[in-house]
């Protein structure tokens, strides 16, 4: 299993995984279907943006997990940047084997190297009607900088 940055050639598999994430989450109840061409353009933009990171878990050419994050700035405290997770998914048959932990550790390391003081992410709290329900969580890496 290799954790690596996503590439253009991964985008079809990434798109399929994002759709699976949508169907398994509360977002699946929204009556809007994603447009593949639009999502593809957004993913290409993400790959080119130094403030975003999209990584994949690659098992012999099959993408089995992904995590997408971006560096964000606190709305009212411009000196505070944090890591904001926008997608995290592991194929069901690979869950429970540490794939998610490897993905998360990679983006945490990247965020800390970028100067993030913490991370904002979704945490699955329960399943209802086969849909995941998540809460937004905060994890602080270091003390809040005095310049904030």
Protein backbone atom coordinates (compact mmCIF):
# COMPACT_ATOMS: atom_id res chain seq x y z
CA UNK A 1 0.00 0.00 0.00
CA UNK A 2 1.43 3.33 -1.07
CA UNK A 3 0.11 6.70 0.14
CA UNK A 4 0.88 9.29 -2.51
CA UNK A 5 -0.39 12.53 -4.03
CA UNK A 6 -3.19 12.02 -6.55
CA UNK A 7 -2.38 12.51 -10.23
CA UNK A 8 -4.41 13.32 -13.30
CA UNK A 9 -4.54 9.61 -14.19
CA UNK A 10 -6.26 8.89 -10.83
CA UNK A 11 -9.18 11.24 -11.40
CA UNK A 12 -11.69 8.71 -12.77
CA UNK A 13 -11.20 6.48 -9.72
CA UNK A 14 -11.23 9.53 -7.41
CA UNK A 15 -14.52 10.70 -8.95
CA UNK A 16 -16.06 7.25 -8.38
CA UNK A 17 -14.89 7.25 -4.76
CA UNK A 18 -16.29 10.75 -4.16
CA UNK A 19 -19.64 9.51 -5.47
CA UNK A 20 -19.46 6.50 -3.14
CA UNK A 21 -18.68 8.87 -0.24
CA UNK A 22 -21.69 10.96 -1.20
CA UNK A 23 -23.97 7.93 -1.27
CA UNK A 24 -22.77 6.67 2.12
CA UNK A 25 -23.03 10.04 3.81
CA UNK A 26 -25.80 12.44 4.67
CA UNK A 27 -24.98 14.28 1.41
CA UNK A 28 -26.56 11.41 -0.52
CA UNK A 29 -29.98 12.77 0.45
CA UNK A 30 -29.45 15.98 -1.50
CA UNK A 31 -31.31 15.69 -4.82
CA UNK A 32 -28.45 17.03 -6.94
CA UNK A 33 -26.31 14.79 -9.09
CA UNK A 34 -22.66 15.76 -9.54
CA UNK A 35 -21.58 16.65 -13.06
CA UNK A 36 -18.45 14.68 -13.91
CA UNK A 37 -16.94 17.34 -16.19
CA UNK A 38 -17.35 20.02 -13.49
CA UNK A 39 -15.91 17.78 -10.77
CA UNK A 40 -12.99 16.85 -13.03
CA UNK A 41 -12.11 20.54 -13.54
CA UNK A 42 -12.31 21.14 -9.78
CA UNK A 43 -10.04 18.16 -9.09
CA UNK A 44 -7.48 19.37 -11.64
CA UNK A 45 -7.53 22.78 -9.93
CA UNK A 46 -6.99 21.09 -6.56
CA UNK A 47 -3.98 19.16 -7.89
CA UNK A 48 -2.42 22.45 -9.04
CA UNK A 49 -3.13 24.42 -5.84
CA UNK A 50 -0.23 24.43 -3.35
CA UNK A 51 -2.69 25.11 -0.49
CA UNK A 52 -4.59 21.89 -1.14
CA UNK A 53 -3.60 18.26 -0.93
CA UNK A 54 -5.37 15.27 -2.41
CA UNK A 55 -3.75 11.96 -1.60
CA UNK A 56 -4.67 8.41 -2.43
CA UNK A 57 -3.99 4.96 -1.03
CA UNK A 58 -2.75 2.96 -4.01
CA UNK A 59 -2.77 -0.83 -3.87
CA UNK A 60 -1.11 -2.10 -7.04
CA UNK A 61 -2.82 0.48 -9.25
CA UNK A 62 -6.20 0.38 -7.52
CA UNK A 63 -7.12 3.50 -5.55
CA UNK A 64 -8.59 2.14 -2.30
CA UNK A 65 -8.78 5.35 -0.29
CA UNK A 66 -8.43 9.10 -0.55
CA UNK A 67 -8.18 12.19 1.59
CA UNK A 68 -8.54 15.79 0.48
CA UNK A 69 -7.60 18.77 2.62
CA UNK A 70 -6.88 22.45 2.23
CA UNK A 71 -5.13 25.08 4.27
CA UNK A 72 -7.71 27.55 5.52
CA UNK A 73 -7.42 30.81 7.42
CA UNK A 74 -9.60 31.53 10.42
CA UNK A 75 -12.25 34.02 9.40
CA UNK A 76 -11.62 36.44 12.27
CA UNK A 77 -8.01 35.60 13.19
CA UNK A 78 -6.01 35.99 10.00
CA UNK A 79 -2.78 34.72 11.56
CA UNK A 80 -4.30 31.30 12.26
CA UNK A 81 -4.21 28.76 9.48
CA UNK A 82 -5.63 25.30 9.89
CA UNK A 83 -6.12 22.13 7.91
CA UNK A 84 -9.69 21.65 6.65
CA UNK A 85 -10.67 18.15 5.49
CA UNK A 86 -13.16 18.12 2.60
CA UNK A 87 -13.15 14.45 1.64
CA UNK A 88 -12.05 11.25 3.33
CA UNK A 89 -13.02 7.82 2.04
CA UNK A 90 -11.78 4.23 2.14
CA UNK A 91 -13.41 1.46 0.13
CA UNK A 92 -15.50 -0.73 2.46
CA UNK A 93 -13.43 -3.88 1.85
CA UNK A 94 -10.26 -2.04 3.02
CA UNK A 95 -11.70 -0.53 6.19
CA UNK A 96 -10.27 -1.71 9.47
CA UNK A 97 -6.77 -2.29 8.07
CA UNK A 98 -5.23 1.09 8.90
CA UNK A 99 -5.63 2.67 5.46
CA UNK A 100 -7.51 5.66 6.87
CA UNK A 101 -4.90 6.15 9.58
CA UNK A 102 -2.12 6.18 6.95
CA UNK A 103 -4.02 8.74 4.87
CA UNK A 104 -4.79 10.94 7.89
CA UNK A 105 -1.21 10.82 9.20
CA UNK A 106 0.05 11.94 5.79
CA UNK A 107 -2.20 14.99 5.62
CA UNK A 108 -1.51 15.89 9.27
CA UNK A 109 2.22 15.81 8.56
CA UNK A 110 1.70 17.97 5.45
CA UNK A 111 -0.51 20.44 7.34
CA UNK A 112 1.96 20.82 10.18
CA UNK A 113 4.77 21.41 7.66
CA UNK A 114 2.60 24.15 6.09
CA UNK A 115 2.25 25.86 9.49
CA UNK A 116 -1.26 24.75 10.44
CA UNK A 117 -2.11 25.18 14.11
CA UNK A 118 -4.79 22.51 13.97
CA UNK A 119 -7.23 20.54 11.87
CA UNK A 120 -10.98 20.63 11.30
CA UNK A 121 -12.48 17.34 10.15
CA UNK A 122 -15.60 15.23 10.11
CA UNK A 123 -15.89 12.32 12.53
CA UNK A 124 -18.44 9.58 11.90
CA UNK A 125 -20.69 9.34 14.94
CA UNK A 126 -23.39 6.89 13.87
CA UNK A 127 -25.15 5.21 10.98
CA UNK A 128 -28.82 5.75 10.24
CA UNK A 129 -30.53 4.02 7.33
CA UNK A 130 -27.08 3.09 6.06
CA UNK A 131 -26.05 6.76 5.97
CA UNK A 132 -23.10 8.08 7.92
CA UNK A 133 -23.70 10.95 10.31
CA UNK A 134 -20.69 13.03 11.19
CA UNK A 135 -19.75 15.75 13.63
CA UNK A 136 -17.23 18.46 12.91
CA UNK A 137 -14.20 18.09 15.17
CA UNK A 138 -11.15 20.22 15.96
CA UNK A 139 -7.67 18.99 16.76
CA UNK A 140 -5.11 21.56 17.89
CA UNK A 141 -1.44 20.77 17.11
CA UNK A 142 0.25 23.58 18.99
CA UNK A 143 -0.54 26.60 21.11
CA UNK A 144 -2.25 29.42 19.26
CA UNK A 145 0.48 31.72 17.90
CA UNK A 146 0.81 35.04 19.74
CA UNK A 147 0.71 36.96 16.42
CA UNK A 148 -2.86 35.83 15.71
